[in-house]
Amino acid sequence: MSVGIGELLLILLIVFVIFGAGKLPQVMNDIGKGIKSMRKGLKEEEKSDKSEQEQK
């Protein structure tokens, strides 16, 4: 399941309407930080899973 360009534009439009143009850069920055944090957590989880398998 992937998000297409149309869905992405719709989501962006909804965010723009809810938060307005003034807060939009801050909201996008926060979303970017959240995505980066999530990816970092997933990588750490993969590393811990691999180390657990090596110990067995």
N, C-alpha and C. Protein backbone atom coordinates (compact mmCIF):
# COMPACT_ATOMS: atom_id res chain seq x y z
N MET A 1 0.85 -1.17 0.00
CA MET A 1 0.00 0.00 0.00
C MET A 1 0.90 1.24 0.00
N SER A 2 0.79 2.04 -1.01
CA SER A 2 1.61 3.24 -1.09
C SER A 2 0.72 4.46 -1.31
N VAL A 3 1.25 5.60 -0.95
CA VAL A 3 0.52 6.85 -1.10
C VAL A 3 0.93 7.47 -2.43
N GLY A 4 -0.06 7.75 -3.25
CA GLY A 4 0.21 8.36 -4.55
C GLY A 4 0.33 9.87 -4.44
N ILE A 5 0.63 10.48 -5.56
CA ILE A 5 0.80 11.94 -5.58
C ILE A 5 -0.51 12.64 -5.25
N GLY A 6 -1.60 12.13 -5.77
CA GLY A 6 -2.90 12.74 -5.50
C GLY A 6 -3.25 12.73 -4.02
N GLU A 7 -3.03 11.59 -3.37
CA GLU A 7 -3.31 11.50 -1.94
C GLU A 7 -2.40 12.41 -1.13
N LEU A 8 -1.14 12.48 -1.54
CA LEU A 8 -0.18 13.34 -0.84
C LEU A 8 -0.57 14.81 -0.95
N LEU A 9 -1.00 15.23 -2.13
CA LEU A 9 -1.45 16.61 -2.32
C LEU A 9 -2.70 16.91 -1.50
N LEU A 10 -3.61 15.95 -1.42
CA LEU A 10 -4.81 16.13 -0.62
C LEU A 10 -4.47 16.28 0.85
N ILE A 11 -3.58 15.46 1.35
CA ILE A 11 -3.15 15.56 2.75
C ILE A 11 -2.49 16.90 3.00
N LEU A 12 -1.64 17.33 2.09
CA LEU A 12 -0.96 18.62 2.23
C LEU A 12 -1.97 19.77 2.23
N LEU A 13 -2.97 19.70 1.39
CA LEU A 13 -4.01 20.72 1.35
C LEU A 13 -4.79 20.77 2.66
N ILE A 14 -5.12 19.62 3.21
CA ILE A 14 -5.85 19.58 4.48
C ILE A 14 -5.00 20.17 5.60
N VAL A 15 -3.72 19.83 5.63
CA VAL A 15 -2.81 20.39 6.64
C VAL A 15 -2.72 21.90 6.48
N PHE A 16 -2.65 22.38 5.25
CA PHE A 16 -2.57 23.82 4.99
C PHE A 16 -3.82 24.53 5.49
N VAL A 17 -4.99 23.94 5.25
CA VAL A 17 -6.24 24.55 5.68
C VAL A 17 -6.34 24.57 7.20
N ILE A 18 -5.93 23.49 7.85
CA ILE A 18 -6.04 23.40 9.30
C ILE A 18 -5.07 24.35 10.00
N PHE A 19 -3.83 24.37 9.58
CA PHE A 19 -2.80 25.12 10.30
C PHE A 19 -2.52 26.49 9.70
N GLY A 20 -2.89 26.73 8.48
CA GLY A 20 -2.63 28.02 7.86
C GLY A 20 -1.20 28.14 7.35
N ALA A 21 -0.95 29.19 6.59
CA ALA A 21 0.36 29.37 5.96
C ALA A 21 1.43 29.72 6.98
N GLY A 22 1.07 30.38 8.06
CA GLY A 22 2.06 30.80 9.04
C GLY A 22 2.70 29.66 9.79
N LYS A 23 1.91 28.65 10.15
CA LYS A 23 2.44 27.54 10.93
C LYS A 23 2.89 26.37 10.06
N LEU A 24 2.63 26.42 8.79
CA LEU A 24 2.94 25.29 7.91
C LEU A 24 4.42 24.89 7.93
N PRO A 25 5.37 25.82 7.87
CA PRO A 25 6.78 25.40 7.92
C PRO A 25 7.13 24.67 9.22
N GLN A 26 6.59 25.14 10.34
CA GLN A 26 6.87 24.50 11.63
C GLN A 26 6.24 23.11 11.68
N VAL A 27 5.03 22.97 11.15
CA VAL A 27 4.36 21.67 11.14
C VAL A 27 5.15 20.68 10.29
N MET A 28 5.60 21.12 9.12
CA MET A 28 6.37 20.23 8.25
C MET A 28 7.70 19.85 8.89
N ASN A 29 8.32 20.78 9.60
CA ASN A 29 9.56 20.49 10.31
C ASN A 29 9.32 19.43 11.38
N ASP A 30 8.24 19.57 12.12
CA ASP A 30 7.91 18.60 13.16
C ASP A 30 7.61 17.22 12.57
N ILE A 31 6.91 17.19 11.44
CA ILE A 31 6.62 15.92 10.78
C ILE A 31 7.92 15.27 10.31
N GLY A 32 8.82 16.06 9.75
CA GLY A 32 10.11 15.53 9.32
C GLY A 32 10.91 14.95 10.47
N LYS A 33 10.91 15.65 11.60
CA LYS A 33 11.62 15.15 12.78
C LYS A 33 10.99 13.84 13.27
N GLY A 34 9.67 13.76 13.22
CA GLY A 34 8.99 12.54 13.63
C GLY A 34 9.33 11.36 12.74
N ILE A 35 9.37 11.59 11.45
CA ILE A 35 9.71 10.52 10.51
C ILE A 35 11.15 10.07 10.72
N LYS A 36 12.05 11.04 10.92
CA LYS A 36 13.46 10.71 11.16
C LYS A 36 13.62 9.90 12.43
N SER A 37 12.89 10.27 13.47
CA SER A 37 12.96 9.55 14.74
C SER A 37 12.41 8.13 14.58
N MET A 38 11.34 7.99 13.82
CA MET A 38 10.75 6.67 13.60
C MET A 38 11.73 5.76 12.85
N ARG A 39 12.38 6.29 11.82
CA ARG A 39 13.36 5.50 11.07
C ARG A 39 14.52 5.08 11.95
N LYS A 40 14.98 6.00 12.80
CA LYS A 40 16.08 5.70 13.71
C LYS A 40 15.68 4.58 14.66
N GLY A 41 14.45 4.64 15.18
CA GLY A 41 13.97 3.60 16.07
C GLY A 41 13.87 2.25 15.39
N LEU A 42 13.43 2.24 14.14
CA LEU A 42 13.33 0.99 13.40
C LEU A 42 14.71 0.38 13.15
N LYS A 43 15.69 1.23 12.84
CA LYS A 43 17.05 0.72 12.62
C LYS A 43 17.62 0.14 13.91
N GLU A 44 17.38 0.81 15.03
CA GLU A 44 17.87 0.31 16.32
C GLU A 44 17.22 -1.02 16.67
N GLU A 45 15.93 -1.15 16.35
CA GLU A 45 15.22 -2.40 16.62
C GLU A 45 15.79 -3.53 15.78
N GLU A 46 16.09 -3.25 14.51
CA GLU A 46 16.68 -4.27 13.65
C GLU A 46 18.04 -4.71 14.18
N LYS A 47 18.84 -3.74 14.65
CA LYS A 47 20.16 -4.07 15.20
C LYS A 47 20.02 -4.94 16.44
N SER A 48 19.05 -4.62 17.31
CA SER A 48 18.89 -5.42 18.52
C SER A 48 18.38 -6.82 18.19
N ASP A 49 17.52 -6.93 17.18
CA ASP A 49 17.05 -8.25 16.75
C ASP A 49 18.20 -9.10 16.22
N LYS A 50 19.08 -8.48 15.43
CA LYS A 50 20.22 -9.21 14.88
C LYS A 50 21.17 -9.65 15.98
N SER A 51 21.41 -8.79 16.97
CA SER A 51 22.32 -9.15 18.05
C SER A 51 21.72 -10.26 18.92
N GLU A 52 20.41 -10.27 19.09
CA GLU A 52 19.76 -11.34 19.85
C GLU A 52 19.88 -12.67 19.11
N GLN A 53 19.74 -12.64 17.79
CA GLN A 53 19.84 -13.86 17.00
C GLN A 53 21.26 -14.40 17.02
N GLU A 54 22.25 -13.51 17.03
CA GLU A 54 23.65 -13.94 17.06
C GLU A 54 24.01 -14.56 18.40
N GLN A 55 23.36 -14.13 19.47
CA GLN A 55 23.65 -14.66 20.80
C GLN A 55 23.09 -16.07 20.97
N LYS A 56 22.09 -16.43 20.19
CA LYS A 56 21.46 -17.74 20.33
C LYS A 56 22.26 -18.80 19.71
